[in-house]
Amino acid sequence: MTPLERALAKALTEVVIRLDLSDDDAITPEATMEVLQPVIALLQDLPKQDRQALADLINKIAQQETDPDRQLTAWETPETLGLLA
């Protein structure tokens, strides 16, 4: 993966973490899904090999997380984004 791809994967993971861990009063689960649905749809158009590569990269990012809540959400991100389908 290139530095650009790594940065984009980290940014995407950060967005998912922040949405998931935000207070439901700040952003509802429904609003979270409205934000993520177009992203999920775009990622579904990628070849399976690319989705797997992105999932692997996100898992590496998850390994680097030191906060347990953030790490758990990062580990769940590939599934949340439909990369493992």
N, C-alpha and C. Protein backbone atom coordinates (compact mmCIF):
# COMPACT_ATOMS: atom_id res chain seq x y z
N MET A 1 0.84 -1.20 0.00
CA MET A 1 0.00 0.00 0.00
C MET A 1 0.88 1.25 0.00
N THR A 2 0.41 2.24 -0.69
CA THR A 2 1.14 3.50 -0.77
C THR A 2 0.85 4.33 0.48
N PRO A 3 1.67 5.36 0.73
CA PRO A 3 1.38 6.26 1.85
C PRO A 3 0.00 6.89 1.73
N LEU A 4 -0.42 7.21 0.52
CA LEU A 4 -1.76 7.78 0.32
C LEU A 4 -2.84 6.79 0.73
N GLU A 5 -2.70 5.56 0.31
CA GLU A 5 -3.68 4.53 0.67
C GLU A 5 -3.72 4.30 2.18
N ARG A 6 -2.56 4.30 2.81
CA ARG A 6 -2.51 4.15 4.27
C ARG A 6 -3.20 5.32 4.96
N ALA A 7 -2.93 6.52 4.48
CA ALA A 7 -3.55 7.71 5.09
C ALA A 7 -5.06 7.69 4.92
N LEU A 8 -5.53 7.30 3.74
CA LEU A 8 -6.97 7.23 3.51
C LEU A 8 -7.62 6.14 4.37
N ALA A 9 -6.96 5.00 4.51
CA ALA A 9 -7.49 3.93 5.36
C ALA A 9 -7.55 4.38 6.82
N LYS A 10 -6.52 5.08 7.27
CA LYS A 10 -6.50 5.58 8.65
C LYS A 10 -7.60 6.62 8.83
N ALA A 11 -7.77 7.52 7.87
CA ALA A 11 -8.82 8.54 7.96
C ALA A 11 -10.21 7.89 7.98
N LEU A 12 -10.43 6.90 7.13
CA LEU A 12 -11.71 6.20 7.11
C LEU A 12 -11.97 5.49 8.43
N THR A 13 -10.95 4.85 8.97
CA THR A 13 -11.08 4.18 10.26
C THR A 13 -11.40 5.19 11.36
N GLU A 14 -10.75 6.32 11.33
CA GLU A 14 -11.00 7.37 12.33
C GLU A 14 -12.44 7.86 12.26
N VAL A 15 -12.96 8.04 11.06
CA VAL A 15 -14.35 8.47 10.90
C VAL A 15 -15.29 7.43 11.51
N VAL A 16 -15.07 6.16 11.20
CA VAL A 16 -15.93 5.11 11.74
C VAL A 16 -15.84 5.08 13.26
N ILE A 17 -14.64 5.18 13.80
CA ILE A 17 -14.46 5.18 15.26
C ILE A 17 -15.23 6.33 15.89
N ARG A 18 -15.06 7.52 15.35
CA ARG A 18 -15.71 8.69 15.94
C ARG A 18 -17.23 8.61 15.84
N LEU A 19 -17.73 8.12 14.71
CA LEU A 19 -19.17 7.96 14.58
C LEU A 19 -19.70 6.92 15.56
N ASP A 20 -18.99 5.81 15.65
CA ASP A 20 -19.45 4.72 16.52
C ASP A 20 -19.39 5.10 18.00
N LEU A 21 -18.37 5.81 18.39
CA LEU A 21 -18.19 6.13 19.81
C LEU A 21 -18.84 7.44 20.23
N SER A 22 -19.44 8.14 19.28
CA SER A 22 -20.09 9.40 19.65
C SER A 22 -21.36 9.12 20.44
N ASP A 23 -21.72 10.06 21.27
CA ASP A 23 -22.95 9.95 22.06
C ASP A 23 -24.14 9.94 21.10
N ASP A 24 -25.12 9.07 21.39
CA ASP A 24 -26.30 8.99 20.52
C ASP A 24 -27.05 10.31 20.44
N ASP A 25 -26.86 11.19 21.41
CA ASP A 25 -27.47 12.51 21.34
C ASP A 25 -26.74 13.41 20.35
N ALA A 26 -25.46 13.13 20.12
CA ALA A 26 -24.67 13.93 19.19
C ALA A 26 -24.96 13.51 17.74
N ILE A 27 -24.99 12.21 17.51
CA ILE A 27 -25.34 11.69 16.19
C ILE A 27 -26.03 10.34 16.40
N THR A 28 -27.22 10.26 15.89
CA THR A 28 -28.02 9.05 16.10
C THR A 28 -27.45 7.89 15.28
N PRO A 29 -27.75 6.66 15.68
CA PRO A 29 -27.32 5.52 14.87
C PRO A 29 -27.84 5.60 13.43
N GLU A 30 -29.04 6.13 13.27
CA GLU A 30 -29.60 6.27 11.93
C GLU A 30 -28.78 7.26 11.09
N ALA A 31 -28.40 8.37 11.72
CA ALA A 31 -27.58 9.37 11.01
C ALA A 31 -26.20 8.80 10.68
N THR A 32 -25.67 8.01 11.58
CA THR A 32 -24.39 7.35 11.32
C THR A 32 -24.48 6.49 10.07
N MET A 33 -25.55 5.71 9.97
CA MET A 33 -25.71 4.85 8.80
C MET A 33 -25.93 5.66 7.53
N GLU A 34 -26.60 6.80 7.64
CA GLU A 34 -26.77 7.67 6.46
C GLU A 34 -25.43 8.17 5.95
N VAL A 35 -24.51 8.42 6.87
CA VAL A 35 -23.17 8.86 6.49
C VAL A 35 -22.40 7.69 5.86
N LEU A 36 -22.51 6.52 6.47
CA LEU A 36 -21.69 5.39 6.04
C LEU A 36 -22.22 4.66 4.81
N GLN A 37 -23.53 4.69 4.56
CA GLN A 37 -24.10 3.93 3.44
C GLN A 37 -23.46 4.24 2.09
N PRO A 38 -23.26 5.51 1.73
CA PRO A 38 -22.61 5.77 0.44
C PRO A 38 -21.17 5.26 0.38
N VAL A 39 -20.49 5.32 1.50
CA VAL A 39 -19.11 4.81 1.57
C VAL A 39 -19.12 3.30 1.38
N ILE A 40 -20.02 2.63 2.08
CA ILE A 40 -20.14 1.18 1.97
C ILE A 40 -20.45 0.79 0.52
N ALA A 41 -21.35 1.52 -0.12
CA ALA A 41 -21.70 1.23 -1.51
C ALA A 41 -20.49 1.38 -2.43
N LEU A 42 -19.71 2.42 -2.24
CA LEU A 42 -18.50 2.61 -3.05
C LEU A 42 -17.51 1.47 -2.84
N LEU A 43 -17.33 1.08 -1.59
CA LEU A 43 -16.37 0.02 -1.28
C LEU A 43 -16.83 -1.32 -1.83
N GLN A 44 -18.14 -1.54 -1.91
CA GLN A 44 -18.65 -2.80 -2.45
C GLN A 44 -18.33 -2.95 -3.94
N ASP A 45 -18.10 -1.82 -4.61
CA ASP A 45 -17.76 -1.87 -6.04
C ASP A 45 -16.30 -2.27 -6.28
N LEU A 46 -15.49 -2.28 -5.22
CA LEU A 46 -14.09 -2.67 -5.37
C LEU A 46 -13.99 -4.18 -5.58
N PRO A 47 -12.96 -4.60 -6.30
CA PRO A 47 -12.72 -6.05 -6.40
C PRO A 47 -12.46 -6.64 -5.01
N LYS A 48 -12.81 -7.91 -4.86
CA LYS A 48 -12.65 -8.58 -3.57
C LYS A 48 -11.22 -8.45 -3.04
N GLN A 49 -10.25 -8.56 -3.91
CA GLN A 49 -8.84 -8.45 -3.51
C GLN A 49 -8.55 -7.09 -2.89
N ASP A 50 -9.09 -6.02 -3.45
CA ASP A 50 -8.88 -4.68 -2.92
C ASP A 50 -9.61 -4.49 -1.59
N ARG A 51 -10.82 -5.04 -1.47
CA ARG A 51 -11.55 -4.97 -0.20
C ARG A 51 -10.79 -5.68 0.90
N GLN A 52 -10.21 -6.85 0.55
CA GLN A 52 -9.43 -7.60 1.53
C GLN A 52 -8.17 -6.84 1.92
N ALA A 53 -7.52 -6.22 0.96
CA ALA A 53 -6.31 -5.44 1.25
C ALA A 53 -6.64 -4.27 2.19
N LEU A 54 -7.77 -3.62 1.95
CA LEU A 54 -8.19 -2.52 2.82
C LEU A 54 -8.51 -3.04 4.22
N ALA A 55 -9.21 -4.16 4.29
CA ALA A 55 -9.52 -4.77 5.60
C ALA A 55 -8.24 -5.11 6.35
N ASP A 56 -7.26 -5.66 5.65
CA ASP A 56 -5.97 -5.99 6.29
C ASP A 56 -5.28 -4.74 6.81
N LEU A 57 -5.33 -3.68 6.03
CA LEU A 57 -4.71 -2.42 6.45
C LEU A 57 -5.42 -1.84 7.66
N ILE A 58 -6.73 -1.89 7.68
CA ILE A 58 -7.49 -1.40 8.83
C ILE A 58 -7.17 -2.24 10.06
N ASN A 59 -6.99 -3.55 9.89
CA ASN A 59 -6.61 -4.39 11.03
C ASN A 59 -5.24 -4.00 11.58
N LYS A 60 -4.31 -3.62 10.71
CA LYS A 60 -3.01 -3.14 11.18
C LYS A 60 -3.17 -1.85 11.97
N ILE A 61 -4.06 -0.99 11.51
CA ILE A 61 -4.34 0.26 12.23
C ILE A 61 -4.93 -0.06 13.60
N ALA A 62 -5.83 -1.05 13.64
CA ALA A 62 -6.46 -1.45 14.91
C ALA A 62 -5.41 -1.94 15.90
N GLN A 63 -4.42 -2.66 15.42
CA GLN A 63 -3.36 -3.17 16.29
C GLN A 63 -2.60 -2.04 16.98
N GLN A 64 -2.54 -0.89 16.34
CA GLN A 64 -1.79 0.24 16.88
C GLN A 64 -2.59 1.07 17.88
N GLU A 65 -3.89 0.84 17.94
CA GLU A 65 -4.74 1.58 18.88
C GLU A 65 -4.43 1.15 20.31
N THR A 66 -4.31 2.12 21.20
CA THR A 66 -4.04 1.81 22.60
C THR A 66 -5.28 1.91 23.47
N ASP A 67 -6.27 2.67 23.04
CA ASP A 67 -7.51 2.78 23.79
C ASP A 67 -8.38 1.56 23.46
N PRO A 68 -8.83 0.81 24.47
CA PRO A 68 -9.59 -0.42 24.21
C PRO A 68 -10.88 -0.20 23.41
N ASP A 69 -11.62 0.86 23.69
CA ASP A 69 -12.86 1.12 22.96
C ASP A 69 -12.58 1.44 21.50
N ARG A 70 -11.58 2.29 21.26
CA ARG A 70 -11.21 2.64 19.90
C ARG A 70 -10.68 1.41 19.15
N GLN A 71 -9.90 0.58 19.85
CA GLN A 71 -9.35 -0.61 19.22
C GLN A 71 -10.45 -1.58 18.81
N LEU A 72 -11.41 -1.80 19.69
CA LEU A 72 -12.52 -2.70 19.36
C LEU A 72 -13.29 -2.20 18.15
N THR A 73 -13.58 -0.91 18.13
CA THR A 73 -14.30 -0.34 16.99
C THR A 73 -13.46 -0.46 15.71
N ALA A 74 -12.17 -0.22 15.82
CA ALA A 74 -11.29 -0.36 14.65
C ALA A 74 -11.30 -1.80 14.14
N TRP A 75 -11.25 -2.78 15.06
CA TRP A 75 -11.31 -4.19 14.65
C TRP A 75 -12.61 -4.49 13.93
N GLU A 76 -13.70 -3.84 14.32
CA GLU A 76 -15.01 -4.08 13.73
C GLU A 76 -15.22 -3.32 12.42
N THR A 77 -14.35 -2.37 12.13
CA THR A 77 -14.53 -1.50 10.97
C THR A 77 -14.62 -2.26 9.64
N PRO A 78 -13.78 -3.25 9.36
CA PRO A 78 -13.94 -3.95 8.08
C PRO A 78 -15.33 -4.57 7.91
N GLU A 79 -15.87 -5.12 8.99
CA GLU A 79 -17.21 -5.69 8.90
C GLU A 79 -18.25 -4.57 8.74
N THR A 80 -18.08 -3.49 9.52
CA THR A 80 -19.01 -2.36 9.42
C THR A 80 -19.09 -1.83 7.99
N LEU A 81 -17.95 -1.80 7.32
CA LEU A 81 -17.88 -1.25 5.97
C LEU A 81 -18.19 -2.29 4.88
N GLY A 82 -18.53 -3.50 5.30
CA GLY A 82 -18.88 -4.53 4.33
C GLY A 82 -17.71 -5.05 3.52
N LEU A 83 -16.51 -4.92 4.06
CA LEU A 83 -15.32 -5.35 3.31
C LEU A 83 -15.15 -6.86 3.31
N LEU A 84 -15.78 -7.54 4.25
CA LEU A 84 -15.58 -8.98 4.39
C LEU A 84 -16.66 -9.80 3.72
N ALA A 85 -17.55 -9.12 3.01
CA ALA A 85 -18.67 -9.84 2.35
C ALA A 85 -18.21 -10.52 1.08
